[in-house]
Amino acid sequence: MKHEKTLVIVDMQNYFLRGSDYGDLSYMIPTFTELILHAMKNQWGIILLEFSSCGETAKEITSILQNYDRKVVLEKEEQSGAKLILDFLISNGWWPTDLIVCGLYGDECVYRTVNDLLGLSDSIKISIIDDMVYPPYPYGCDDPPEESLTFQKIISKKDKEYEQAIN
């Protein structure tokens, strides 16, 4: 069965979570783990986008993904991971191009990745989870993403659809 979405998690590495310019952001981890569990239940693809030489994604996140076969870790050398993501999606055709993006440095790495993806491909749909991007995504710059979401909107809407589909 083909899953309908790909969750892209940007820079949720300890280097940024616990030593960032914004203070300790580790309080965000439980919300991310809940979203990941939701994505796994709905069989979404999951891309962990990491900034090279800044360590791995937080163990609290990678441990729940350990045995999940629809995940990949991509390591970027610059703020944007768009080309890596697009190359991966093209070379692994079963991954959906309906992307839901969240993560750290919304005004830098999340922004550049989303903006570059929108510039590289017309076939990718991108939604941002506003309350799971820190600092906030700078709307109004260049081409905006397709949809602005919230964590609760994703969890409640998709869980209702999921429940209807299995009953």
N, C-alpha and C. Protein backbone atom coordinates (compact mmCIF):
# COMPACT_ATOMS: atom_id res chain seq x y z
N MET A 1 0.83 -1.18 0.00
CA MET A 1 0.00 0.00 0.00
C MET A 1 0.88 1.25 0.00
N LYS A 2 0.60 2.17 -0.89
CA LYS A 2 1.36 3.41 -0.96
C LYS A 2 0.84 4.38 0.10
N HIS A 3 1.76 4.94 0.85
CA HIS A 3 1.37 5.92 1.86
C HIS A 3 1.18 7.27 1.19
N GLU A 4 0.37 8.11 1.76
CA GLU A 4 -0.07 9.32 1.07
C GLU A 4 0.79 10.55 1.34
N LYS A 5 1.58 10.56 2.37
CA LYS A 5 2.35 11.75 2.72
C LYS A 5 3.77 11.38 3.13
N THR A 6 4.63 12.38 3.07
CA THR A 6 5.98 12.23 3.60
C THR A 6 6.19 13.35 4.62
N LEU A 7 6.54 12.96 5.82
CA LEU A 7 6.86 13.90 6.88
C LEU A 7 8.35 14.22 6.79
N VAL A 8 8.68 15.50 6.70
CA VAL A 8 10.07 15.95 6.64
C VAL A 8 10.38 16.68 7.95
N ILE A 9 11.34 16.16 8.69
CA ILE A 9 11.74 16.74 9.97
C ILE A 9 13.14 17.32 9.80
N VAL A 10 13.26 18.63 9.97
CA VAL A 10 14.50 19.34 9.69
C VAL A 10 15.27 19.66 10.98
N ASP A 11 16.52 19.22 11.03
CA ASP A 11 17.50 19.64 12.05
C ASP A 11 17.08 19.42 13.50
N MET A 12 16.42 18.32 13.79
CA MET A 12 16.07 18.02 15.17
C MET A 12 17.23 17.27 15.85
N GLN A 13 18.39 17.89 15.76
CA GLN A 13 19.62 17.32 16.31
C GLN A 13 19.92 17.96 17.66
N ASN A 14 20.56 17.19 18.54
CA ASN A 14 20.88 17.70 19.87
C ASN A 14 21.67 19.01 19.82
N TYR A 15 22.52 19.13 18.85
CA TYR A 15 23.32 20.35 18.69
C TYR A 15 22.41 21.58 18.65
N PHE A 16 21.29 21.47 17.94
CA PHE A 16 20.35 22.59 17.82
C PHE A 16 19.32 22.60 18.94
N LEU A 17 18.90 21.42 19.37
CA LEU A 17 17.88 21.33 20.42
C LEU A 17 18.37 21.84 21.77
N ARG A 18 19.58 21.49 22.09
CA ARG A 18 20.07 21.77 23.45
C ARG A 18 21.16 22.84 23.50
N GLY A 19 21.63 23.26 22.35
CA GLY A 19 22.69 24.25 22.36
C GLY A 19 22.46 25.36 21.36
N SER A 20 21.22 25.62 21.05
CA SER A 20 20.91 26.58 19.99
C SER A 20 20.99 28.01 20.48
N ASP A 21 20.90 28.89 19.52
CA ASP A 21 20.85 30.33 19.82
C ASP A 21 19.57 30.69 20.55
N TYR A 22 18.60 29.80 20.55
CA TYR A 22 17.28 30.08 21.11
C TYR A 22 17.07 29.44 22.47
N GLY A 23 18.12 28.90 23.07
CA GLY A 23 17.99 28.25 24.36
C GLY A 23 17.67 26.77 24.20
N ASP A 24 17.26 26.15 25.27
CA ASP A 24 16.95 24.72 25.27
C ASP A 24 15.58 24.49 24.63
N LEU A 25 15.59 23.82 23.49
CA LEU A 25 14.35 23.55 22.76
C LEU A 25 13.90 22.10 22.90
N SER A 26 14.51 21.37 23.83
CA SER A 26 14.17 19.96 23.98
C SER A 26 12.72 19.75 24.43
N TYR A 27 12.06 20.80 24.92
CA TYR A 27 10.65 20.69 25.29
C TYR A 27 9.78 20.32 24.08
N MET A 28 10.31 20.50 22.87
CA MET A 28 9.55 20.20 21.66
C MET A 28 9.53 18.70 21.33
N ILE A 29 10.44 17.94 21.88
CA ILE A 29 10.60 16.53 21.51
C ILE A 29 9.32 15.72 21.72
N PRO A 30 8.60 15.82 22.84
CA PRO A 30 7.39 15.00 22.99
C PRO A 30 6.35 15.23 21.88
N THR A 31 6.19 16.46 21.44
CA THR A 31 5.24 16.74 20.36
C THR A 31 5.72 16.09 19.06
N PHE A 32 7.02 16.15 18.80
CA PHE A 32 7.57 15.51 17.61
C PHE A 32 7.40 13.99 17.66
N THR A 33 7.62 13.40 18.83
CA THR A 33 7.45 11.94 18.92
C THR A 33 5.99 11.55 18.71
N GLU A 34 5.07 12.35 19.21
CA GLU A 34 3.65 12.07 18.99
C GLU A 34 3.30 12.17 17.51
N LEU A 35 3.83 13.18 16.83
CA LEU A 35 3.60 13.32 15.39
C LEU A 35 4.20 12.15 14.63
N ILE A 36 5.38 11.72 15.01
CA ILE A 36 6.02 10.58 14.34
C ILE A 36 5.21 9.31 14.53
N LEU A 37 4.71 9.07 15.73
CA LEU A 37 3.87 7.90 15.97
C LEU A 37 2.61 7.95 15.10
N HIS A 38 2.05 9.13 14.96
CA HIS A 38 0.89 9.32 14.08
C HIS A 38 1.26 9.01 12.63
N ALA A 39 2.40 9.51 12.19
CA ALA A 39 2.86 9.26 10.82
C ALA A 39 3.10 7.77 10.60
N MET A 40 3.68 7.12 11.57
CA MET A 40 3.93 5.68 11.44
C MET A 40 2.62 4.90 11.37
N LYS A 41 1.67 5.27 12.19
CA LYS A 41 0.36 4.59 12.19
C LYS A 41 -0.31 4.72 10.82
N ASN A 42 -0.10 5.87 10.18
CA ASN A 42 -0.70 6.11 8.86
C ASN A 42 0.22 5.75 7.71
N GLN A 43 1.35 5.12 8.03
CA GLN A 43 2.31 4.61 7.06
C GLN A 43 2.87 5.69 6.13
N TRP A 44 3.11 6.87 6.68
CA TRP A 44 3.74 7.93 5.91
C TRP A 44 5.23 7.65 5.79
N GLY A 45 5.84 8.18 4.75
CA GLY A 45 7.29 8.21 4.67
C GLY A 45 7.79 9.27 5.65
N ILE A 46 8.97 9.06 6.19
CA ILE A 46 9.55 10.02 7.13
C ILE A 46 10.99 10.29 6.71
N ILE A 47 11.28 11.56 6.46
CA ILE A 47 12.64 11.98 6.13
C ILE A 47 13.18 12.80 7.30
N LEU A 48 14.30 12.35 7.85
CA LEU A 48 15.02 13.12 8.86
C LEU A 48 16.14 13.84 8.12
N LEU A 49 16.05 15.15 8.06
CA LEU A 49 17.04 15.97 7.38
C LEU A 49 17.99 16.54 8.43
N GLU A 50 19.26 16.18 8.33
CA GLU A 50 20.25 16.59 9.32
C GLU A 50 21.30 17.49 8.70
N PHE A 51 21.76 18.45 9.49
CA PHE A 51 22.86 19.32 9.07
C PHE A 51 24.16 18.59 9.36
N SER A 52 24.99 18.44 8.34
CA SER A 52 26.26 17.73 8.45
C SER A 52 27.11 18.30 9.58
N SER A 53 27.82 17.46 10.25
CA SER A 53 28.76 17.77 11.33
C SER A 53 28.09 18.37 12.58
N CYS A 54 26.77 18.23 12.69
CA CYS A 54 26.06 18.72 13.89
C CYS A 54 25.45 17.57 14.68
N GLY A 55 25.92 16.37 14.45
CA GLY A 55 25.43 15.22 15.18
C GLY A 55 24.16 14.64 14.60
N GLU A 56 23.67 13.62 15.26
CA GLU A 56 22.48 12.91 14.79
C GLU A 56 21.21 13.52 15.35
N THR A 57 20.09 13.17 14.74
CA THR A 57 18.78 13.53 15.25
C THR A 57 18.65 12.99 16.67
N ALA A 58 17.96 13.70 17.52
CA ALA A 58 17.81 13.33 18.93
C ALA A 58 17.39 11.86 19.09
N LYS A 59 18.01 11.20 20.04
CA LYS A 59 17.75 9.76 20.29
C LYS A 59 16.28 9.50 20.61
N GLU A 60 15.61 10.45 21.26
CA GLU A 60 14.20 10.27 21.58
C GLU A 60 13.38 10.10 20.31
N ILE A 61 13.84 10.67 19.23
CA ILE A 61 13.16 10.57 17.94
C ILE A 61 13.61 9.33 17.18
N THR A 62 14.92 9.13 17.08
CA THR A 62 15.42 7.99 16.30
C THR A 62 15.07 6.64 16.93
N SER A 63 14.95 6.60 18.25
CA SER A 63 14.64 5.31 18.89
C SER A 63 13.26 4.80 18.51
N ILE A 64 12.28 5.68 18.35
CA ILE A 64 10.95 5.19 17.96
C ILE A 64 10.88 4.84 16.48
N LEU A 65 11.85 5.32 15.71
CA LEU A 65 11.89 5.02 14.28
C LEU A 65 12.80 3.83 13.94
N GLN A 66 13.42 3.26 14.94
CA GLN A 66 14.44 2.24 14.74
C GLN A 66 13.99 1.11 13.80
N ASN A 67 12.80 0.59 13.97
CA ASN A 67 12.34 -0.53 13.15
C ASN A 67 11.33 -0.13 12.09
N TYR A 68 11.21 1.14 11.83
CA TYR A 68 10.26 1.63 10.83
C TYR A 68 10.95 1.66 9.48
N ASP A 69 10.38 0.97 8.50
CA ASP A 69 11.06 0.84 7.20
C ASP A 69 10.75 1.95 6.20
N ARG A 70 9.93 2.89 6.57
CA ARG A 70 9.60 4.00 5.66
C ARG A 70 10.23 5.30 6.15
N LYS A 71 11.47 5.20 6.54
CA LYS A 71 12.20 6.39 6.99
C LYS A 71 13.57 6.41 6.34
N VAL A 72 14.10 7.62 6.21
CA VAL A 72 15.44 7.79 5.67
C VAL A 72 16.06 9.00 6.36
N VAL A 73 17.37 8.96 6.53
CA VAL A 73 18.12 10.10 7.07
C VAL A 73 18.94 10.67 5.92
N LEU A 74 18.75 11.95 5.66
CA LEU A 74 19.52 12.65 4.63
C LEU A 74 20.38 13.71 5.31
N GLU A 75 21.64 13.77 4.92
CA GLU A 75 22.57 14.71 5.55
C GLU A 75 22.92 15.81 4.55
N LYS A 76 22.64 17.05 4.95
CA LYS A 76 22.88 18.20 4.08
C LYS A 76 24.14 18.95 4.51
N GLU A 77 24.76 19.59 3.53
CA GLU A 77 25.98 20.35 3.78
C GLU A 77 25.71 21.85 3.90
N GLU A 78 24.50 22.25 3.58
CA GLU A 78 24.14 23.67 3.61
C GLU A 78 22.75 23.81 4.21
N GLN A 79 22.25 25.03 4.31
CA GLN A 79 20.95 25.24 4.95
C GLN A 79 19.83 24.51 4.24
N SER A 80 19.82 24.51 2.94
CA SER A 80 18.75 23.85 2.18
C SER A 80 19.07 22.38 1.95
N GLY A 81 18.08 21.55 2.21
CA GLY A 81 18.20 20.14 1.89
C GLY A 81 17.30 19.76 0.72
N ALA A 82 16.84 20.77 -0.04
CA ALA A 82 15.87 20.55 -1.10
C ALA A 82 16.36 19.59 -2.18
N LYS A 83 17.56 19.79 -2.66
CA LYS A 83 18.06 18.92 -3.73
C LYS A 83 18.19 17.48 -3.26
N LEU A 84 18.67 17.29 -2.04
CA LEU A 84 18.76 15.94 -1.48
C LEU A 84 17.38 15.28 -1.42
N ILE A 85 16.40 16.02 -0.93
CA ILE A 85 15.05 15.47 -0.81
C ILE A 85 14.49 15.15 -2.18
N LEU A 86 14.60 16.08 -3.12
CA LEU A 86 14.06 15.86 -4.46
C LEU A 86 14.75 14.68 -5.14
N ASP A 87 16.07 14.60 -5.06
CA ASP A 87 16.80 13.47 -5.65
C ASP A 87 16.34 12.15 -5.03
N PHE A 88 16.15 12.15 -3.72
CA PHE A 88 15.68 10.94 -3.05
C PHE A 88 14.29 10.55 -3.52
N LEU A 89 13.37 11.51 -3.57
CA LEU A 89 12.00 11.22 -4.00
C LEU A 89 11.97 10.70 -5.43
N ILE A 90 12.78 11.28 -6.31
CA ILE A 90 12.82 10.84 -7.71
C ILE A 90 13.39 9.43 -7.84
N SER A 91 14.46 9.14 -7.11
CA SER A 91 15.10 7.83 -7.24
C SER A 91 14.36 6.73 -6.47
N ASN A 92 13.42 7.10 -5.62
CA ASN A 92 12.62 6.13 -4.86
C ASN A 92 11.15 6.46 -5.10
N GLY A 93 10.66 6.17 -6.28
CA GLY A 93 9.38 6.62 -6.77
C GLY A 93 8.16 6.32 -5.92
N TRP A 94 8.24 5.39 -5.01
CA TRP A 94 7.06 5.07 -4.21
C TRP A 94 6.85 6.06 -3.08
N TRP A 95 7.80 6.98 -2.84
CA TRP A 95 7.62 7.98 -1.79
C TRP A 95 6.71 9.09 -2.31
N PRO A 96 5.69 9.46 -1.54
CA PRO A 96 4.78 10.54 -1.99
C PRO A 96 5.45 11.91 -1.98
N THR A 97 4.97 12.75 -2.87
CA THR A 97 5.52 14.11 -2.98
C THR A 97 4.62 15.13 -2.28
N ASP A 98 3.71 14.67 -1.47
CA ASP A 98 2.90 15.53 -0.61
C ASP A 98 3.64 15.61 0.72
N LEU A 99 4.40 16.70 0.90
CA LEU A 99 5.30 16.82 2.04
C LEU A 99 4.70 17.66 3.16
N ILE A 100 4.89 17.18 4.38
CA ILE A 100 4.53 17.94 5.57
C ILE A 100 5.85 18.21 6.29
N VAL A 101 6.16 19.50 6.47
CA VAL A 101 7.48 19.90 6.95
C VAL A 101 7.40 20.54 8.34
N CYS A 102 8.35 20.17 9.19
CA CYS A 102 8.48 20.77 10.51
C CYS A 102 9.95 20.71 10.92
N GLY A 103 10.31 21.41 11.97
CA GLY A 103 11.68 21.33 12.45
C GLY A 103 12.20 22.64 12.99
N LEU A 104 13.52 22.67 13.14
CA LEU A 104 14.17 23.82 13.74
C LEU A 104 14.76 24.76 12.71
N TYR A 105 14.97 25.97 13.16
CA TYR A 105 15.48 27.06 12.34
C TYR A 105 14.54 27.32 11.16
N GLY A 106 13.30 27.63 11.53
CA GLY A 106 12.26 27.91 10.53
C GLY A 106 12.60 29.07 9.63
N ASP A 107 13.36 30.00 10.15
CA ASP A 107 13.72 31.18 9.37
C ASP A 107 14.97 30.97 8.52
N GLU A 108 15.60 29.81 8.65
CA GLU A 108 16.80 29.50 7.88
C GLU A 108 16.64 28.17 7.15
N CYS A 109 16.94 27.06 7.82
CA CYS A 109 16.98 25.76 7.15
C CYS A 109 15.61 25.29 6.67
N VAL A 110 14.58 25.42 7.49
CA VAL A 110 13.24 25.03 7.05
C VAL A 110 12.81 25.91 5.88
N TYR A 111 12.99 27.21 6.05
CA TYR A 111 12.61 28.15 4.99
C TYR A 111 13.35 27.87 3.68
N ARG A 112 14.65 27.73 3.74
CA ARG A 112 15.42 27.52 2.50
C ARG A 112 15.09 26.19 1.84
N THR A 113 14.88 25.16 2.64
CA THR A 113 14.52 23.85 2.08
C THR A 113 13.17 23.93 1.38
N VAL A 114 12.17 24.50 2.04
CA VAL A 114 10.83 24.62 1.46
C VAL A 114 10.85 25.50 0.22
N ASN A 115 11.46 26.65 0.33
CA ASN A 115 11.50 27.59 -0.79
C ASN A 115 12.22 26.98 -2.00
N ASP A 116 13.32 26.30 -1.76
CA ASP A 116 14.06 25.67 -2.86
C ASP A 116 13.27 24.51 -3.48
N LEU A 117 12.59 23.73 -2.66
CA LEU A 117 11.76 22.64 -3.20
C LEU A 117 10.67 23.20 -4.11
N LEU A 118 10.04 24.28 -3.66
CA LEU A 118 8.99 24.90 -4.48
C LEU A 118 9.55 25.42 -5.80
N GLY A 119 10.80 25.86 -5.79
CA GLY A 119 11.43 26.35 -7.00
C GLY A 119 11.93 25.24 -7.92
N LEU A 120 12.22 24.08 -7.36
CA LEU A 120 12.77 22.98 -8.15
C LEU A 120 11.72 22.09 -8.80
N SER A 121 10.52 22.04 -8.24
CA SER A 121 9.53 21.10 -8.75
C SER A 121 8.11 21.63 -8.60
N ASP A 122 7.34 21.48 -9.67
CA ASP A 122 5.92 21.84 -9.62
C ASP A 122 5.06 20.69 -9.11
N SER A 123 5.63 19.50 -9.01
CA SER A 123 4.84 18.33 -8.63
C SER A 123 4.85 18.06 -7.12
N ILE A 124 5.53 18.88 -6.36
CA ILE A 124 5.59 18.69 -4.91
C ILE A 124 4.60 19.63 -4.24
N LYS A 125 3.81 19.06 -3.33
CA LYS A 125 2.91 19.85 -2.49
C LYS A 125 3.57 19.94 -1.12
N ILE A 126 3.63 21.15 -0.57
CA ILE A 126 4.28 21.33 0.73
C ILE A 126 3.34 22.03 1.69
N SER A 127 3.23 21.44 2.88
CA SER A 127 2.50 22.05 3.99
C SER A 127 3.47 22.21 5.15
N ILE A 128 3.31 23.28 5.88
CA ILE A 128 4.15 23.57 7.06
C ILE A 128 3.30 23.39 8.30
N ILE A 129 3.86 22.72 9.31
CA ILE A 129 3.19 22.63 10.61
C ILE A 129 3.68 23.83 11.43
N ASP A 130 2.90 24.89 11.42
CA ASP A 130 3.32 26.15 12.02
C ASP A 130 3.79 26.04 13.46
N ASP A 131 3.07 25.30 14.27
CA ASP A 131 3.44 25.23 15.68
C ASP A 131 4.52 24.19 15.97
N MET A 132 5.11 23.63 14.90
CA MET A 132 6.22 22.70 15.05
C MET A 132 7.43 23.16 14.23
N VAL A 133 7.49 24.45 14.00
CA VAL A 133 8.64 25.07 13.35
C VAL A 133 9.10 26.21 14.26
N TYR A 134 10.38 26.16 14.63
CA TYR A 134 10.89 27.19 15.52
C TYR A 134 12.25 27.66 15.04
N PRO A 135 12.49 28.97 15.03
CA PRO A 135 11.50 30.04 15.12
C PRO A 135 10.54 29.96 13.94
N PRO A 136 9.46 30.73 13.99
CA PRO A 136 8.40 30.60 12.98
C PRO A 136 8.88 30.76 11.55
N TYR A 137 8.19 30.05 10.66
CA TYR A 137 8.46 30.13 9.22
C TYR A 137 8.10 31.53 8.74
N PRO A 138 8.97 32.16 7.95
CA PRO A 138 8.72 33.55 7.51
C PRO A 138 7.78 33.64 6.30
N TYR A 139 6.49 33.51 6.55
CA TYR A 139 5.52 33.65 5.46
C TYR A 139 5.65 35.03 4.82
N GLY A 140 5.28 35.11 3.57
CA GLY A 140 5.36 36.37 2.86
C GLY A 140 6.63 36.50 2.05
N CYS A 141 7.54 35.58 2.21
CA CYS A 141 8.78 35.59 1.44
C CYS A 141 8.63 34.62 0.27
N ASP A 142 8.96 35.04 -0.92
CA ASP A 142 8.97 34.20 -2.10
C ASP A 142 7.63 33.47 -2.27
N ASP A 143 7.67 32.22 -2.69
CA ASP A 143 6.45 31.44 -2.89
C ASP A 143 6.04 30.78 -1.59
N PRO A 144 4.81 30.99 -1.13
CA PRO A 144 4.39 30.36 0.13
C PRO A 144 4.07 28.88 -0.08
N PRO A 145 4.20 28.08 0.99
CA PRO A 145 3.78 26.67 0.92
C PRO A 145 2.28 26.58 0.65
N GLU A 146 1.84 25.40 0.24
CA GLU A 146 0.44 25.17 -0.10
C GLU A 146 -0.51 25.41 1.07
N GLU A 147 -0.10 24.92 2.25
CA GLU A 147 -1.03 24.93 3.37
C GLU A 147 -0.28 25.17 4.67
N SER A 148 -0.93 25.87 5.56
CA SER A 148 -0.42 26.09 6.90
C SER A 148 -1.23 25.20 7.83
N LEU A 149 -0.55 24.32 8.56
CA LEU A 149 -1.21 23.36 9.44
C LEU A 149 -0.83 23.61 10.88
N THR A 150 -1.54 22.96 11.77
CA THR A 150 -1.14 22.90 13.17
C THR A 150 -1.06 21.43 13.57
N PHE A 151 -0.34 21.17 14.63
CA PHE A 151 -0.19 19.81 15.13
C PHE A 151 -1.56 19.19 15.40
N GLN A 152 -2.44 19.91 16.10
CA GLN A 152 -3.76 19.38 16.43
C GLN A 152 -4.60 19.10 15.19
N LYS A 153 -4.49 19.96 14.19
CA LYS A 153 -5.25 19.75 12.96
C LYS A 153 -4.84 18.44 12.28
N ILE A 154 -3.56 18.18 12.25
CA ILE A 154 -3.07 16.95 11.62
C ILE A 154 -3.53 15.73 12.42
N ILE A 155 -3.30 15.75 13.71
CA ILE A 155 -3.63 14.59 14.55
C ILE A 155 -5.13 14.31 14.53
N SER A 156 -5.96 15.31 14.75
CA SER A 156 -7.40 15.06 14.84
C SER A 156 -7.99 14.72 13.48
N LYS A 157 -7.64 15.44 12.43
CA LYS A 157 -8.20 15.19 11.10
C LYS A 157 -7.79 13.82 10.59
N LYS A 158 -6.53 13.51 10.67
CA LYS A 158 -6.06 12.25 10.13
C LYS A 158 -6.54 11.07 10.97
N ASP A 159 -6.60 11.21 12.26
CA ASP A 159 -7.08 10.11 13.08
C ASP A 159 -8.53 9.79 12.76
N LYS A 160 -9.36 10.82 12.51
CA LYS A 160 -10.75 10.57 12.13
C LYS A 160 -10.82 9.85 10.79
N GLU A 161 -10.02 10.28 9.81
CA GLU A 161 -9.99 9.62 8.51
C GLU A 161 -9.49 8.18 8.64
N TYR A 162 -8.50 7.99 9.47
CA TYR A 162 -7.93 6.66 9.68
C TYR A 162 -8.97 5.74 10.30
N GLU A 163 -9.64 6.23 11.33
CA GLU A 163 -10.68 5.44 11.99
C GLU A 163 -11.79 5.07 11.00
N GLN A 164 -12.20 6.00 10.15
CA GLN A 164 -13.24 5.72 9.17
C GLN A 164 -12.77 4.69 8.15
N ALA A 165 -11.53 4.76 7.76
CA ALA A 165 -11.01 3.86 6.74
C ALA A 165 -10.93 2.41 7.23
N ILE A 166 -10.62 2.22 8.52
CA ILE A 166 -10.48 0.85 9.01
C ILE A 166 -11.80 0.26 9.50
N ASN A 167 -12.83 1.07 9.64
CA ASN A 167 -14.13 0.54 10.10
C ASN A 167 -15.06 0.25 8.94
